[in-house]
PDB file of all heavy atoms in Angstrom:
ATOM      1  N   MET A   1     -94.722  68.384 168.642  1.00  0.00           N
ATOM      2  CA  MET A   1     -96.112  68.556 169.049  1.00  0.00           C
ATOM      3  C   MET A   1     -96.412  70.051 169.141  1.00  0.00           C
ATOM      4  O   MET A   1     -95.810  70.768 169.941  1.00  0.00           O
ATOM      5  CB  MET A   1     -96.363  67.880 170.401  1.00  0.00           C
ATOM      6  CG  MET A   1     -97.812  67.950 170.865  1.00  0.00           C
ATOM      7  SD  MET A   1     -98.942  67.100 169.743  1.00  0.00           S
ATOM      8  CE  MET A   1     -98.440  65.391 170.014  1.00  0.00           C
ATOM      9  N   MET A   2     -97.359  70.523 168.316  1.00  0.00           N
ATOM     10  CA  MET A   2     -97.738  71.930 168.282  1.00  0.00           C
ATOM     11  C   MET A   2     -99.110  72.109 168.915  1.00  0.00           C
ATOM     12  O   MET A   2    -100.034  71.321 168.667  1.00  0.00           O
ATOM     13  CB  MET A   2     -97.753  72.432 166.835  1.00  0.00           C
ATOM     14  CG  MET A   2     -96.384  72.410 166.177  1.00  0.00           C
ATOM     15  SD  MET A   2     -96.380  73.078 164.484  1.00  0.00           S
ATOM     16  CE  MET A   2     -97.166  71.714 163.602  1.00  0.00           C
ATOM     17  N   ASN A   3     -99.253  73.171 169.718  1.00  0.00           N
ATOM     18  CA  ASN A   3    -100.497  73.439 170.439  1.00  0.00           C
ATOM     19  C   ASN A   3    -101.035  74.823 170.080  1.00  0.00           C
ATOM     20  O   ASN A   3    -100.260  75.777 169.928  1.00  0.00           O
ATOM     21  CB  ASN A   3    -100.275  73.361 171.960  1.00  0.00           C
ATOM     22  CG  ASN A   3     -99.712  72.013 172.389  1.00  0.00           C
ATOM     23  OD1 ASN A   3    -100.149  70.975 171.896  1.00  0.00           O
ATOM     24  ND2 ASN A   3     -98.750  72.036 173.306  1.00  0.00           N
ATOM     25  N   ASP A   4    -102.390  74.883 169.974  1.00  0.00           N
ATOM     26  CA  ASP A   4    -103.104  76.145 169.767  1.00  0.00           C
ATOM     27  C   ASP A   4    -102.554  76.884 168.537  1.00  0.00           C
ATOM     28  O   ASP A   4    -101.861  77.888 168.653  1.00  0.00           O
ATOM     29  CB  ASP A   4    -102.999  77.029 171.014  1.00  0.00           C
ATOM     30  CG  ASP A   4    -103.937  78.234 170.930  1.00  0.00           C
ATOM     31  OD1 ASP A   4    -104.803  78.260 170.029  1.00  0.00           O
ATOM     32  OD2 ASP A   4    -103.780  79.150 171.757  1.00  0.00           O
ATOM     33  N   GLY A   5    -102.891  76.364 167.369  1.00  0.00           N
ATOM     34  CA  GLY A   5    -102.374  76.982 166.163  1.00  0.00           C
ATOM     35  C   GLY A   5    -103.323  76.852 164.980  1.00  0.00           C
ATOM     36  O   GLY A   5    -104.473  76.421 165.123  1.00  0.00           O
ATOM     37  N   VAL A   6    -102.811  77.211 163.807  1.00  0.00           N
ATOM     38  CA  VAL A   6    -103.601  77.168 162.578  1.00  0.00           C
ATOM     39  C   VAL A   6    -102.749  76.579 161.461  1.00  0.00           C
ATOM     40  O   VAL A   6    -101.510  76.628 161.507  1.00  0.00           O
ATOM     41  CB  VAL A   6    -104.106  78.559 162.160  1.00  0.00           C
ATOM     42  CG1 VAL A   6    -105.093  79.107 163.183  1.00  0.00           C
ATOM     43  CG2 VAL A   6    -102.937  79.517 161.971  1.00  0.00           C
ATOM     44  N   ILE A   7    -103.466  76.029 160.433  1.00  0.00           N
ATOM     45  CA  ILE A   7    -102.817  75.520 159.232  1.00  0.00           C
ATOM     46  C   ILE A   7    -103.406  76.250 158.043  1.00  0.00           C
ATOM     47  O   ILE A   7    -104.621  76.238 157.841  1.00  0.00           O
ATOM     48  CB  ILE A   7    -103.027  73.999 159.063  1.00  0.00           C
ATOM     49  CG1 ILE A   7    -102.510  73.236 160.289  1.00  0.00           C
ATOM     50  CG2 ILE A   7    -102.331  73.508 157.799  1.00  0.00           C
ATOM     51  CD1 ILE A   7    -102.788  71.753 160.225  1.00  0.00           C
ATOM     52  N   HIS A   8    -102.554  76.904 157.258  1.00  0.00           N
ATOM     53  CA  HIS A   8    -102.975  77.567 156.025  1.00  0.00           C
ATOM     54  C   HIS A   8    -102.613  76.645 154.857  1.00  0.00           C
ATOM     55  O   HIS A   8    -101.433  76.314 154.673  1.00  0.00           O
ATOM     56  CB  HIS A   8    -102.281  78.916 155.860  1.00  0.00           C
ATOM     57  CG  HIS A   8    -102.721  79.930 156.856  1.00  0.00           C
ATOM     58  ND1 HIS A   8    -103.562  80.971 156.522  1.00  0.00           N
ATOM     59  CD2 HIS A   8    -102.450  80.076 158.171  1.00  0.00           C
ATOM     60  CE1 HIS A   8    -103.782  81.715 157.601  1.00  0.00           C
ATOM     61  NE2 HIS A   8    -103.112  81.184 158.617  1.00  0.00           N
ATOM     62  N   ARG A   9    -103.649  76.264 154.105  1.00  0.00           N
ATOM     63  CA  ARG A   9    -103.438  75.389 152.952  1.00  0.00           C
ATOM     64  C   ARG A   9    -103.822  76.145 151.682  1.00  0.00           C
ATOM     65  O   ARG A   9    -104.973  76.569 151.528  1.00  0.00           O
ATOM     66  CB  ARG A   9    -104.272  74.109 153.081  1.00  0.00           C
ATOM     67  CG  ARG A   9    -104.024  73.088 151.972  1.00  0.00           C
ATOM     68  CD  ARG A   9    -104.878  71.849 152.203  1.00  0.00           C
ATOM     69  NE  ARG A   9    -104.570  70.805 151.241  1.00  0.00           N
ATOM     70  CZ  ARG A   9    -105.082  70.725 150.017  1.00  0.00           C
ATOM     71  NH1 ARG A   9    -105.972  71.650 149.603  1.00  0.00           N
ATOM     72  NH2 ARG A   9    -104.749  69.743 149.207  1.00  0.00           N
ATOM     73  N   LYS A  10    -102.829  76.321 150.775  1.00  0.00           N
ATOM     74  CA  LYS A  10    -103.073  77.074 149.559  1.00  0.00           C
ATOM     75  C   LYS A  10    -102.644  76.251 148.354  1.00  0.00           C
ATOM     76  O   LYS A  10    -101.564  75.675 148.339  1.00  0.00           O
ATOM     77  CB  LYS A  10    -102.294  78.399 149.579  1.00  0.00           C
ATOM     78  CG  LYS A  10    -102.581  79.297 148.384  1.00  0.00           C
ATOM     79  CD  LYS A  10    -101.824  80.613 148.490  1.00  0.00           C
ATOM     80  CE  LYS A  10    -102.122  81.516 147.306  1.00  0.00           C
ATOM     81  NZ  LYS A  10    -101.401  82.813 147.395  1.00  0.00           N
ATOM     82  N   THR A  11    -103.514  76.185 147.332  1.00  0.00           N
ATOM     83  CA  THR A  11    -103.228  75.447 146.117  1.00  0.00           C
ATOM     84  C   THR A  11    -102.826  76.403 145.004  1.00  0.00           C
ATOM     85  O   THR A  11    -102.968  77.631 145.129  1.00  0.00           O
ATOM     86  CB  THR A  11    -104.442  74.620 145.675  1.00  0.00           C
ATOM     87  OG1 THR A  11    -105.513  75.517 145.341  1.00  0.00           O
ATOM     88  CG2 THR A  11    -104.895  73.677 146.793  1.00  0.00           C
ATOM     89  N   LEU A  12    -102.349  75.849 143.882  1.00  0.00           N
ATOM     90  CA  LEU A  12    -101.954  76.676 142.747  1.00  0.00           C
ATOM     91  C   LEU A  12    -103.155  77.374 142.122  1.00  0.00           C
ATOM     92  O   LEU A  12    -103.014  78.442 141.504  1.00  0.00           O
ATOM     93  CB  LEU A  12    -101.263  75.809 141.696  1.00  0.00           C
ATOM     94  CG  LEU A  12     -99.880  75.251 142.078  1.00  0.00           C
ATOM     95  CD1 LEU A  12     -99.325  74.394 140.953  1.00  0.00           C
ATOM     96  CD2 LEU A  12     -98.907  76.375 142.414  1.00  0.00           C
ATOM     97  N   ALA A  13    -104.342  76.808 142.284  1.00  0.00           N
ATOM     98  CA  ALA A  13    -105.560  77.432 141.746  1.00  0.00           C
ATOM     99  C   ALA A  13    -105.991  78.643 142.552  1.00  0.00           C
ATOM    100  O   ALA A  13    -106.912  79.363 142.159  1.00  0.00           O
ATOM    101  CB  ALA A  13    -106.686  76.410 141.694  1.00  0.00           C
ATOM    102  N   GLY A  14    -105.345  78.879 143.689  1.00  0.00           N
ATOM    103  CA  GLY A  14    -105.691  80.017 144.520  1.00  0.00           C
ATOM    104  C   GLY A  14    -106.629  79.693 145.662  1.00  0.00           C
ATOM    105  O   GLY A  14    -107.007  80.595 146.422  1.00  0.00           O
ATOM    106  N   ASP A  15    -107.037  78.433 145.796  1.00  0.00           N
ATOM    107  CA  ASP A  15    -107.915  78.047 146.898  1.00  0.00           C
ATOM    108  C   ASP A  15    -107.153  78.109 148.210  1.00  0.00           C
ATOM    109  O   ASP A  15    -106.043  77.581 148.329  1.00  0.00           O
ATOM    110  CB  ASP A  15    -108.460  76.636 146.672  1.00  0.00           C
ATOM    111  CG  ASP A  15    -109.293  76.542 145.400  1.00  0.00           C
ATOM    112  OD1 ASP A  15    -109.905  77.568 145.041  1.00  0.00           O
ATOM    113  OD2 ASP A  15    -109.327  75.462 144.775  1.00  0.00           O
ATOM    114  N   LEU A  16    -107.748  78.713 149.197  1.00  0.00           N
ATOM    115  CA  LEU A  16    -107.131  78.888 150.501  1.00  0.00           C
ATOM    116  C   LEU A  16    -108.065  78.377 151.579  1.00  0.00           C
ATOM    117  O   LEU A  16    -109.251  78.728 151.604  1.00  0.00           O
ATOM    118  CB  LEU A  16    -106.784  80.356 150.760  1.00  0.00           C
ATOM    119  CG  LEU A  16    -106.163  80.681 152.126  1.00  0.00           C
ATOM    120  CD1 LEU A  16    -104.819  79.994 152.277  1.00  0.00           C
ATOM    121  CD2 LEU A  16    -106.031  82.196 152.305  1.00  0.00           C
ATOM    122  N   SER A  17    -107.543  77.549 152.446  1.00  0.00           N
ATOM    123  CA  SER A  17    -108.324  77.042 153.573  1.00  0.00           C
ATOM    124  C   SER A  17    -107.514  77.195 154.849  1.00  0.00           C
ATOM    125  O   SER A  17    -106.291  77.046 154.833  1.00  0.00           O
ATOM    126  CB  SER A  17    -108.707  75.575 153.351  1.00  0.00           C
ATOM    127  OG  SER A  17    -107.546  74.779 153.192  1.00  0.00           O
ATOM    128  N   VAL A  18    -108.209  77.508 155.918  1.00  0.00           N
ATOM    129  CA  VAL A  18    -107.576  77.710 157.220  1.00  0.00           C
ATOM    130  C   VAL A  18    -108.179  76.727 158.208  1.00  0.00           C
ATOM    131  O   VAL A  18    -109.403  76.656 158.354  1.00  0.00           O
ATOM    132  CB  VAL A  18    -107.762  79.158 157.721  1.00  0.00           C
ATOM    133  CG1 VAL A  18    -107.092  79.330 159.078  1.00  0.00           C
ATOM    134  CG2 VAL A  18    -107.185  80.145 156.711  1.00  0.00           C
ATOM    135  N   ILE A  19    -107.320  75.980 158.871  1.00  0.00           N
ATOM    136  CA  ILE A  19    -107.768  74.973 159.842  1.00  0.00           C
ATOM    137  C   ILE A  19    -107.155  75.310 161.194  1.00  0.00           C
ATOM    138  O   ILE A  19    -105.930  75.453 161.313  1.00  0.00           O
ATOM    139  CB  ILE A  19    -107.336  73.556 159.407  1.00  0.00           C
ATOM    140  CG1 ILE A  19    -107.870  73.238 158.006  1.00  0.00           C
ATOM    141  CG2 ILE A  19    -107.811  72.518 160.412  1.00  0.00           C
ATOM    142  CD1 ILE A  19    -107.343  71.946 157.448  1.00  0.00           C
ATOM    143  N   ARG A  20    -107.994  75.432 162.179  1.00  0.00           N
ATOM    144  CA  ARG A  20    -107.507  75.667 163.538  1.00  0.00           C
ATOM    145  C   ARG A  20    -107.372  74.329 164.260  1.00  0.00           C
ATOM    146  O   ARG A  20    -108.186  73.432 164.060  1.00  0.00           O
ATOM    147  CB  ARG A  20    -108.463  76.594 164.302  1.00  0.00           C
ATOM    148  CG  ARG A  20    -108.497  78.013 163.755  1.00  0.00           C
ATOM    149  CD  ARG A  20    -109.311  78.943 164.658  1.00  0.00           C
ATOM    150  NE  ARG A  20    -109.239  80.312 164.172  1.00  0.00           N
ATOM    151  CZ  ARG A  20    -108.282  81.171 164.512  1.00  0.00           C
ATOM    152  NH1 ARG A  20    -107.319  80.787 165.338  1.00  0.00           N
ATOM    153  NH2 ARG A  20    -108.278  82.389 164.022  1.00  0.00           N
ATOM    154  N   PHE A  21    -106.393  74.237 165.105  1.00  0.00           N
ATOM    155  CA  PHE A  21    -106.214  72.982 165.857  1.00  0.00           C
ATOM    156  C   PHE A  21    -105.800  73.304 167.290  1.00  0.00           C
ATOM    157  O   PHE A  21    -105.177  74.342 167.574  1.00  0.00           O
ATOM    158  CB  PHE A  21    -105.175  72.081 165.184  1.00  0.00           C
ATOM    159  CG  PHE A  21    -103.794  72.682 165.076  1.00  0.00           C
ATOM    160  CD1 PHE A  21    -102.888  72.629 166.129  1.00  0.00           C
ATOM    161  CD2 PHE A  21    -103.389  73.315 163.902  1.00  0.00           C
ATOM    162  CE1 PHE A  21    -101.632  73.178 166.020  1.00  0.00           C
ATOM    163  CE2 PHE A  21    -102.125  73.863 163.782  1.00  0.00           C
ATOM    164  CZ  PHE A  21    -101.236  73.797 164.846  1.00  0.00           C
ATOM    165  N   THR A  22    -106.188  72.381 168.141  1.00  0.00           N
ATOM    166  CA  THR A  22    -105.767  72.478 169.539  1.00  0.00           C
ATOM    167  C   THR A  22    -104.385  71.868 169.725  1.00  0.00           C
ATOM    168  O   THR A  22    -103.536  72.402 170.448  1.00  0.00           O
ATOM    169  CB  THR A  22    -106.777  71.763 170.447  1.00  0.00           C
ATOM    170  OG1 THR A  22    -108.072  72.313 170.237  1.00  0.00           O
ATOM    171  CG2 THR A  22    -106.390  71.911 171.911  1.00  0.00           C
ATOM    172  N   SER A  23    -104.155  70.729 169.087  1.00  0.00           N
ATOM    173  CA  SER A  23    -102.840  70.090 169.111  1.00  0.00           C
ATOM    174  C   SER A  23    -102.626  69.384 167.779  1.00  0.00           C
ATOM    175  O   SER A  23    -103.576  68.861 167.176  1.00  0.00           O
ATOM    176  CB  SER A  23    -102.721  69.096 170.271  1.00  0.00           C
ATOM    177  OG  SER A  23    -103.666  68.056 170.134  1.00  0.00           O
ATOM    178  N   TYR A  24    -101.385  69.369 167.332  1.00  0.00           N
ATOM    179  CA  TYR A  24    -101.061  68.750 166.048  1.00  0.00           C
ATOM    180  C   TYR A  24     -99.641  68.188 166.152  1.00  0.00           C
ATOM    181  O   TYR A  24     -98.715  68.861 166.630  1.00  0.00           O
ATOM    182  CB  TYR A  24    -101.146  69.776 164.910  1.00  0.00           C
ATOM    183  CG  TYR A  24    -100.972  69.191 163.538  1.00  0.00           C
ATOM    184  CD1 TYR A  24    -102.066  68.730 162.816  1.00  0.00           C
ATOM    185  CD2 TYR A  24     -99.701  69.086 162.954  1.00  0.00           C
ATOM    186  CE1 TYR A  24    -101.913  68.183 161.541  1.00  0.00           C
ATOM    187  CE2 TYR A  24     -99.543  68.548 161.691  1.00  0.00           C
ATOM    188  CZ  TYR A  24    -100.649  68.093 160.978  1.00  0.00           C
ATOM    189  OH  TYR A  24    -100.486  67.551 159.727  1.00  0.00           O
ATOM    190  N   ALA A  25     -99.468  66.932 165.707  1.00  0.00           N
ATOM    191  CA  ALA A  25     -98.166  66.259 165.779  1.00  0.00           C
ATOM    192  C   ALA A  25     -97.517  66.262 164.404  1.00  0.00           C
ATOM    193  O   ALA A  25     -98.131  65.806 163.424  1.00  0.00           O
ATOM    194  CB  ALA A  25     -98.339  64.832 166.286  1.00  0.00           C
ATOM    195  N   PHE A  26     -96.316  66.762 164.350  1.00  0.00           N
ATOM    196  CA  PHE A  26     -95.553  66.805 163.102  1.00  0.00           C
ATOM    197  C   PHE A  26     -94.366  65.854 163.250  1.00  0.00           C
ATOM    198  O   PHE A  26     -93.470  66.072 164.069  1.00  0.00           O
ATOM    199  CB  PHE A  26     -95.067  68.228 162.821  1.00  0.00           C
ATOM    200  CG  PHE A  26     -94.600  68.453 161.418  1.00  0.00           C
ATOM    201  CD1 PHE A  26     -95.477  68.877 160.428  1.00  0.00           C
ATOM    202  CD2 PHE A  26     -93.278  68.220 161.055  1.00  0.00           C
ATOM    203  CE1 PHE A  26     -95.058  69.078 159.130  1.00  0.00           C
ATOM    204  CE2 PHE A  26     -92.842  68.421 159.771  1.00  0.00           C
ATOM    205  CZ  PHE A  26     -93.737  68.839 158.800  1.00  0.00           C
ATOM    206  N   ASP A  27     -94.368  64.783 162.456  1.00  0.00           N
ATOM    207  CA  ASP A  27     -93.353  63.732 162.582  1.00  0.00           C
ATOM    208  C   ASP A  27     -92.036  64.183 161.954  1.00  0.00           C
ATOM    209  O   ASP A  27     -91.982  64.582 160.788  1.00  0.00           O
ATOM    210  CB  ASP A  27     -93.844  62.451 161.905  1.00  0.00           C
ATOM    211  CG  ASP A  27     -92.937  61.264 162.223  1.00  0.00           C
ATOM    212  OD1 ASP A  27     -92.054  61.407 163.085  1.00  0.00           O
ATOM    213  OD2 ASP A  27     -93.120  60.201 161.607  1.00  0.00           O
ATOM    214  N   LEU A  28     -90.949  64.094 162.736  1.00  0.00           N
ATOM    215  CA  LEU A  28     -89.613  64.457 162.264  1.00  0.00           C
ATOM    216  C   LEU A  28     -88.682  63.259 162.164  1.00  0.00           C
ATOM    217  O   LEU A  28     -87.499  63.423 161.858  1.00  0.00           O
ATOM    218  CB  LEU A  28     -88.988  65.492 163.212  1.00  0.00           C
ATOM    219  CG  LEU A  28     -89.736  66.817 163.374  1.00  0.00           C
ATOM    220  CD1 LEU A  28     -89.076  67.653 164.455  1.00  0.00           C
ATOM    221  CD2 LEU A  28     -89.789  67.580 162.076  1.00  0.00           C
ATOM    222  N   SER A  29     -89.187  62.066 162.429  1.00  0.00           N
ATOM    223  CA  SER A  29     -88.333  60.877 162.493  1.00  0.00           C
ATOM    224  C   SER A  29     -87.697  60.568 161.145  1.00  0.00           C
ATOM    225  O   SER A  29     -86.537  60.145 161.077  1.00  0.00           O
ATOM    226  CB  SER A  29     -89.148  59.668 162.961  1.00  0.00           C
ATOM    227  OG  SER A  29     -89.757  59.935 164.218  1.00  0.00           O
ATOM    228  N   ALA A  30     -88.458  60.764 160.056  1.00  0.00           N
ATOM    229  CA  ALA A  30     -87.929  60.431 158.730  1.00  0.00           C
ATOM    230  C   ALA A  30     -86.700  61.255 158.391  1.00  0.00           C
ATOM    231  O   ALA A  30     -85.740  60.753 157.804  1.00  0.00           O
ATOM    232  CB  ALA A  30     -89.009  60.637 157.675  1.00  0.00           C
ATOM    233  N   PHE A  31     -86.717  62.528 158.793  1.00  0.00           N
ATOM    234  CA  PHE A  31     -85.576  63.398 158.474  1.00  0.00           C
ATOM    235  C   PHE A  31     -84.369  63.050 159.326  1.00  0.00           C
ATOM    236  O   PHE A  31     -83.228  63.163 158.899  1.00  0.00           O
ATOM    237  CB  PHE A  31     -85.967  64.848 158.673  1.00  0.00           C
ATOM    238  CG  PHE A  31     -87.264  65.194 158.013  1.00  0.00           C
ATOM    239  CD1 PHE A  31     -88.381  65.525 158.770  1.00  0.00           C
ATOM    240  CD2 PHE A  31     -87.392  65.151 156.639  1.00  0.00           C
ATOM    241  CE1 PHE A  31     -89.577  65.837 158.166  1.00  0.00           C
ATOM    242  CE2 PHE A  31     -88.587  65.456 156.027  1.00  0.00           C
ATOM    243  CZ  PHE A  31     -89.688  65.799 156.795  1.00  0.00           C
ATOM    244  N   MET A  32     -84.604  62.618 160.547  1.00  0.00           N
ATOM    245  CA  MET A  32     -83.501  62.225 161.425  1.00  0.00           C
ATOM    246  C   MET A  32     -82.800  60.984 160.917  1.00  0.00           C
ATOM    247  O   MET A  32     -81.578  60.919 160.862  1.00  0.00           O
ATOM    248  CB  MET A  32     -84.015  61.972 162.834  1.00  0.00           C
ATOM    249  CG  MET A  32     -84.424  63.219 163.569  1.00  0.00           C
ATOM    250  SD  MET A  32     -84.616  62.852 165.289  1.00  0.00           S
ATOM    251  CE  MET A  32     -83.050  62.112 165.633  1.00  0.00           C
TER     252      MET A  32
END
């Protein structure tokens, strides 16, 4: 669980988008 952060999304075409979030859940169960 990540709090107070940003997500940078960049494609091969060079498009860049920035998303701010208050909380974001990143699932790790599959890797475990």
